[in-house]
């Protein structure tokens, strides 16, 4: 495949980001259910770059998701159903077929 054809494929690639439960209120939802957003998957994309691109469009998500340049403590990030920090980090590369999930982090009670 010629390089220009490959670039067209890359330009249209996306990674789904599923946002669930009360986290949906930060992207215009009502704080229930799930929403899936398709984010651009550019060459060299990482978990961090995709989340930064998404949160740049949603200021409330940006404030809730990030603490400086690192993730805050109230939203859990999953990469292909694995909690971030187990098999992936913020700087892990993403490829077609990968997916991200943003979940509310729940704390246990008595």
N, C-alpha and C. Protein backbone atom coordinates (compact mmCIF):
# COMPACT_ATOMS: atom_id res chain seq x y z
N UNK A 1 0.85 -1.18 0.00
CA UNK A 1 0.00 0.00 0.00
C UNK A 1 0.90 1.23 0.00
N UNK A 2 0.65 2.19 -0.89
CA UNK A 2 1.47 3.40 -0.91
C UNK A 2 1.33 4.17 0.40
N UNK A 3 2.39 4.95 0.72
CA UNK A 3 2.40 5.70 1.97
C UNK A 3 1.21 6.62 2.13
N UNK A 4 0.80 7.32 1.04
CA UNK A 4 -0.33 8.24 1.18
C UNK A 4 -1.62 7.50 1.51
N UNK A 5 -1.79 6.29 1.02
CA UNK A 5 -2.97 5.50 1.35
C UNK A 5 -2.92 5.07 2.82
N UNK A 6 -1.72 4.73 3.30
CA UNK A 6 -1.59 4.35 4.71
C UNK A 6 -1.89 5.53 5.62
N UNK A 7 -1.47 6.72 5.23
CA UNK A 7 -1.74 7.91 6.03
C UNK A 7 -3.22 8.20 6.10
N UNK A 8 -3.95 7.94 5.02
CA UNK A 8 -5.40 8.15 5.05
C UNK A 8 -6.05 7.20 6.05
N UNK A 9 -5.59 5.95 6.11
CA UNK A 9 -6.13 5.00 7.08
C UNK A 9 -5.84 5.49 8.49
N UNK A 10 -4.59 5.91 8.76
CA UNK A 10 -4.22 6.41 10.08
C UNK A 10 -5.04 7.63 10.47
N UNK A 11 -5.33 8.50 9.50
CA UNK A 11 -6.05 9.73 9.79
C UNK A 11 -7.48 9.46 10.24
N UNK A 12 -8.03 8.31 9.87
CA UNK A 12 -9.42 8.02 10.23
C UNK A 12 -9.52 7.03 11.38
N UNK A 13 -8.40 6.54 11.88
CA UNK A 13 -8.44 5.58 12.99
C UNK A 13 -8.88 6.27 14.27
N UNK A 14 -9.67 5.55 15.06
CA UNK A 14 -10.14 6.08 16.34
C UNK A 14 -9.98 5.02 17.42
N UNK A 15 -10.04 5.48 18.65
CA UNK A 15 -10.06 4.58 19.79
C UNK A 15 -11.31 4.94 20.59
N UNK A 16 -12.15 3.95 20.91
CA UNK A 16 -13.33 4.26 21.71
C UNK A 16 -12.95 4.52 23.16
N UNK A 17 -13.56 5.56 23.74
CA UNK A 17 -13.40 5.87 25.15
C UNK A 17 -14.79 5.77 25.77
N UNK A 18 -14.98 4.75 26.58
CA UNK A 18 -16.27 4.56 27.25
C UNK A 18 -16.23 5.30 28.59
N UNK A 19 -17.25 6.10 28.82
CA UNK A 19 -17.36 6.87 30.06
C UNK A 19 -18.59 6.35 30.78
N UNK A 20 -18.42 5.94 32.05
CA UNK A 20 -19.51 5.28 32.76
C UNK A 20 -19.84 5.96 34.08
N UNK A 21 -21.04 5.73 34.53
CA UNK A 21 -21.61 6.17 35.80
C UNK A 21 -21.53 7.68 35.96
N UNK A 22 -21.22 8.16 37.18
CA UNK A 22 -21.27 9.60 37.42
C UNK A 22 -20.24 10.38 36.63
N UNK A 23 -19.28 9.72 36.03
CA UNK A 23 -18.27 10.41 35.23
C UNK A 23 -18.90 11.01 33.97
N UNK A 24 -20.04 10.47 33.53
CA UNK A 24 -20.70 11.01 32.32
C UNK A 24 -21.12 12.46 32.50
N UNK A 25 -21.33 12.90 33.73
CA UNK A 25 -21.75 14.30 33.94
C UNK A 25 -20.67 15.28 33.49
N UNK A 26 -19.43 14.83 33.42
CA UNK A 26 -18.33 15.70 32.99
C UNK A 26 -18.24 15.85 31.47
N UNK A 27 -19.02 15.05 30.73
CA UNK A 27 -19.01 15.15 29.26
C UNK A 27 -20.41 15.46 28.72
N UNK A 28 -21.24 16.05 29.56
CA UNK A 28 -22.58 16.45 29.12
C UNK A 28 -23.67 15.44 29.40
N UNK A 29 -23.36 14.35 30.09
CA UNK A 29 -24.37 13.35 30.43
C UNK A 29 -25.06 13.71 31.73
N UNK A 30 -25.91 12.79 32.19
CA UNK A 30 -26.68 13.05 33.41
C UNK A 30 -26.10 12.35 34.65
N UNK A 31 -24.92 11.75 34.51
CA UNK A 31 -24.30 11.08 35.66
C UNK A 31 -24.73 9.64 35.83
N UNK A 32 -25.40 9.09 34.82
CA UNK A 32 -25.80 7.69 34.86
C UNK A 32 -25.46 7.03 33.52
N UNK A 33 -25.52 5.73 33.49
CA UNK A 33 -25.34 5.00 32.25
C UNK A 33 -23.93 5.08 31.70
N UNK A 34 -23.86 4.95 30.36
CA UNK A 34 -22.57 4.93 29.67
C UNK A 34 -22.67 5.74 28.39
N UNK A 35 -21.56 6.34 28.02
CA UNK A 35 -21.43 7.01 26.73
C UNK A 35 -20.10 6.58 26.13
N UNK A 36 -20.07 6.42 24.82
CA UNK A 36 -18.84 6.05 24.14
C UNK A 36 -18.48 7.17 23.16
N UNK A 37 -17.27 7.68 23.31
CA UNK A 37 -16.75 8.72 22.43
C UNK A 37 -15.63 8.12 21.59
N UNK A 38 -15.60 8.43 20.32
CA UNK A 38 -14.54 7.95 19.43
C UNK A 38 -13.48 9.05 19.33
N UNK A 39 -12.30 8.76 19.84
CA UNK A 39 -11.21 9.73 19.83
C UNK A 39 -10.21 9.39 18.73
N UNK A 40 -9.62 10.42 18.09
CA UNK A 40 -8.64 10.18 17.03
C UNK A 40 -7.46 9.36 17.56
N UNK A 41 -7.04 8.40 16.77
CA UNK A 41 -5.88 7.58 17.10
C UNK A 41 -4.77 7.95 16.11
N UNK A 42 -3.97 8.93 16.50
CA UNK A 42 -2.93 9.42 15.63
C UNK A 42 -1.67 8.57 15.80
N UNK A 43 -0.76 8.59 14.82
CA UNK A 43 0.49 7.86 14.99
C UNK A 43 1.21 8.32 16.26
N UNK A 44 1.67 7.39 17.05
CA UNK A 44 2.37 7.70 18.29
C UNK A 44 1.45 7.98 19.46
N UNK A 45 0.14 7.78 19.28
CA UNK A 45 -0.82 8.06 20.36
C UNK A 45 -0.54 7.18 21.57
N UNK A 46 -0.71 7.79 22.74
CA UNK A 46 -0.56 7.08 24.01
C UNK A 46 -1.86 7.26 24.80
N UNK A 47 -1.97 6.52 25.89
CA UNK A 47 -3.12 6.70 26.78
C UNK A 47 -3.20 8.17 27.19
N UNK A 48 -2.08 8.74 27.58
CA UNK A 48 -2.04 10.14 28.01
C UNK A 48 -2.51 11.08 26.90
N UNK A 49 -2.01 10.93 25.69
CA UNK A 49 -2.35 11.87 24.61
C UNK A 49 -3.83 11.78 24.24
N UNK A 50 -4.39 10.58 24.25
CA UNK A 50 -5.81 10.44 23.93
C UNK A 50 -6.66 11.07 25.04
N UNK A 51 -6.32 10.79 26.30
CA UNK A 51 -7.07 11.39 27.41
C UNK A 51 -6.92 12.91 27.44
N UNK A 52 -5.73 13.41 27.12
CA UNK A 52 -5.51 14.86 27.09
C UNK A 52 -6.34 15.50 25.99
N UNK A 53 -6.42 14.86 24.83
CA UNK A 53 -7.24 15.39 23.75
C UNK A 53 -8.71 15.42 24.11
N UNK A 54 -9.18 14.35 24.73
CA UNK A 54 -10.58 14.28 25.16
C UNK A 54 -10.88 15.32 26.22
N UNK A 55 -10.04 15.39 27.24
CA UNK A 55 -10.32 16.31 28.35
C UNK A 55 -10.14 17.77 27.94
N UNK A 56 -9.38 18.05 26.89
CA UNK A 56 -9.24 19.42 26.41
C UNK A 56 -10.57 19.96 25.88
N UNK A 57 -11.43 19.08 25.40
CA UNK A 57 -12.75 19.49 24.89
C UNK A 57 -13.81 19.57 25.98
N UNK A 58 -13.54 18.99 27.13
CA UNK A 58 -14.50 18.96 28.23
C UNK A 58 -13.82 19.48 29.50
N UNK A 59 -13.90 20.79 29.75
CA UNK A 59 -13.19 21.39 30.90
C UNK A 59 -13.54 20.74 32.24
N UNK A 60 -14.79 20.32 32.44
CA UNK A 60 -15.15 19.68 33.71
C UNK A 60 -14.45 18.33 33.85
N UNK A 61 -14.34 17.59 32.75
CA UNK A 61 -13.61 16.32 32.78
C UNK A 61 -12.13 16.59 33.05
N UNK A 62 -11.59 17.61 32.42
CA UNK A 62 -10.19 17.96 32.62
C UNK A 62 -9.90 18.21 34.10
N UNK A 63 -10.77 18.98 34.75
CA UNK A 63 -10.58 19.30 36.17
C UNK A 63 -10.71 18.05 37.05
N UNK A 64 -11.60 17.14 36.67
CA UNK A 64 -11.82 15.94 37.48
C UNK A 64 -10.78 14.85 37.22
N UNK A 65 -10.29 14.77 35.99
CA UNK A 65 -9.39 13.67 35.60
C UNK A 65 -7.94 13.91 35.99
N UNK A 66 -7.48 15.14 35.89
CA UNK A 66 -6.06 15.42 36.05
C UNK A 66 -5.75 16.15 37.35
N UNK A 67 -4.61 15.84 37.89
CA UNK A 67 -4.02 16.58 39.01
C UNK A 67 -2.62 16.94 38.54
N UNK A 68 -2.49 18.14 37.97
CA UNK A 68 -1.24 18.50 37.31
C UNK A 68 -1.11 17.69 36.03
N UNK A 69 0.02 17.02 35.86
CA UNK A 69 0.22 16.20 34.66
C UNK A 69 -0.07 14.73 34.91
N UNK A 70 -0.52 14.41 36.11
CA UNK A 70 -0.85 13.02 36.45
C UNK A 70 -2.35 12.89 36.70
N UNK A 71 -2.82 11.66 36.69
CA UNK A 71 -4.24 11.43 36.94
C UNK A 71 -4.60 11.72 38.38
N UNK A 72 -5.78 12.27 38.57
CA UNK A 72 -6.31 12.46 39.91
C UNK A 72 -6.76 11.13 40.49
N UNK A 73 -7.35 11.17 41.65
CA UNK A 73 -7.65 9.92 42.35
C UNK A 73 -9.09 9.45 42.25
N UNK A 74 -9.98 10.19 41.59
CA UNK A 74 -11.38 9.84 41.64
C UNK A 74 -11.93 9.14 40.40
N UNK A 75 -11.15 9.08 39.34
CA UNK A 75 -11.59 8.41 38.12
C UNK A 75 -10.59 7.33 37.78
N UNK A 76 -11.10 6.11 37.62
CA UNK A 76 -10.26 4.95 37.27
C UNK A 76 -10.19 4.84 35.76
N UNK A 77 -9.00 4.60 35.22
CA UNK A 77 -8.81 4.44 33.78
C UNK A 77 -8.47 2.99 33.50
N UNK A 78 -9.20 2.40 32.55
CA UNK A 78 -8.93 1.03 32.12
C UNK A 78 -8.48 1.06 30.67
N UNK A 79 -7.53 0.20 30.34
CA UNK A 79 -7.08 0.00 28.97
C UNK A 79 -7.41 -1.45 28.63
N UNK A 80 -8.32 -1.63 27.69
CA UNK A 80 -8.75 -2.98 27.31
C UNK A 80 -9.17 -3.79 28.55
N UNK A 81 -9.94 -3.18 29.41
CA UNK A 81 -10.50 -3.79 30.63
C UNK A 81 -9.49 -4.06 31.74
N UNK A 82 -8.25 -3.59 31.60
CA UNK A 82 -7.25 -3.75 32.66
C UNK A 82 -7.00 -2.38 33.29
N UNK A 83 -7.00 -2.34 34.61
CA UNK A 83 -6.78 -1.09 35.34
C UNK A 83 -5.42 -0.52 34.99
N UNK A 84 -5.40 0.78 34.72
CA UNK A 84 -4.14 1.46 34.43
C UNK A 84 -3.18 1.25 35.59
N UNK A 85 -1.93 0.96 35.28
CA UNK A 85 -0.94 0.71 36.32
C UNK A 85 -0.61 -0.78 36.46
N UNK A 86 -1.44 -1.64 35.87
CA UNK A 86 -1.17 -3.08 35.92
C UNK A 86 -0.36 -3.48 34.68
N UNK A 87 -0.98 -3.42 33.52
CA UNK A 87 -0.29 -3.79 32.28
C UNK A 87 0.01 -2.58 31.40
N UNK A 88 -0.55 -1.41 31.75
CA UNK A 88 -0.38 -0.20 30.95
C UNK A 88 -0.12 0.99 31.87
N UNK A 89 0.53 2.00 31.30
CA UNK A 89 0.75 3.26 32.01
C UNK A 89 0.17 4.38 31.16
N UNK A 90 0.23 5.59 31.65
CA UNK A 90 -0.23 6.74 30.87
C UNK A 90 0.55 6.86 29.56
N UNK A 91 1.77 6.40 29.55
CA UNK A 91 2.61 6.55 28.37
C UNK A 91 2.64 5.31 27.47
N UNK A 92 1.76 4.35 27.75
CA UNK A 92 1.65 3.17 26.88
C UNK A 92 1.09 3.57 25.52
N UNK A 93 1.67 3.05 24.45
CA UNK A 93 1.14 3.35 23.12
C UNK A 93 -0.21 2.65 22.91
N UNK A 94 -1.05 3.28 22.09
CA UNK A 94 -2.33 2.69 21.73
C UNK A 94 -2.31 2.32 20.26
N UNK A 95 -3.07 1.30 19.92
CA UNK A 95 -3.14 0.84 18.54
C UNK A 95 -4.60 0.56 18.17
N UNK A 96 -4.90 0.43 16.89
CA UNK A 96 -6.28 0.11 16.50
C UNK A 96 -6.75 -1.15 17.24
N UNK A 97 -7.97 -1.11 17.70
CA UNK A 97 -8.54 -2.22 18.46
C UNK A 97 -8.48 -2.02 19.96
N UNK A 98 -7.62 -1.11 20.44
CA UNK A 98 -7.58 -0.79 21.86
C UNK A 98 -8.80 0.04 22.24
N UNK A 99 -9.12 0.05 23.52
CA UNK A 99 -10.20 0.88 24.01
C UNK A 99 -9.89 1.34 25.44
N UNK A 100 -10.39 2.50 25.76
CA UNK A 100 -10.21 3.07 27.09
C UNK A 100 -11.57 3.16 27.76
N UNK A 101 -11.57 3.06 29.09
CA UNK A 101 -12.78 3.21 29.88
C UNK A 101 -12.47 4.13 31.05
N UNK A 102 -13.38 5.06 31.32
CA UNK A 102 -13.27 5.94 32.49
C UNK A 102 -14.41 5.57 33.42
N UNK A 103 -14.05 5.11 34.61
CA UNK A 103 -15.03 4.68 35.61
C UNK A 103 -14.89 5.52 36.87
N UNK A 104 -15.99 5.63 37.58
CA UNK A 104 -15.94 6.27 38.88
C UNK A 104 -15.19 5.35 39.83
N UNK A 105 -14.27 5.93 40.58
CA UNK A 105 -13.55 5.13 41.57
C UNK A 105 -14.41 5.11 42.84
N UNK A 106 -14.71 3.93 43.31
CA UNK A 106 -15.57 3.79 44.46
C UNK A 106 -14.74 3.41 45.68
N UNK A 107 -15.11 3.94 46.81
CA UNK A 107 -14.43 3.64 48.05
C UNK A 107 -15.34 2.75 48.89
N UNK A 108 -14.76 1.82 49.62
CA UNK A 108 -15.54 0.92 50.46
C UNK A 108 -16.07 1.61 51.70
N UNK A 109 -17.09 1.03 52.26
CA UNK A 109 -17.70 1.55 53.48
C UNK A 109 -17.43 0.63 54.64
N UNK A 110 -18.12 0.88 55.72
CA UNK A 110 -17.93 0.08 56.94
C UNK A 110 -18.59 -1.26 56.83
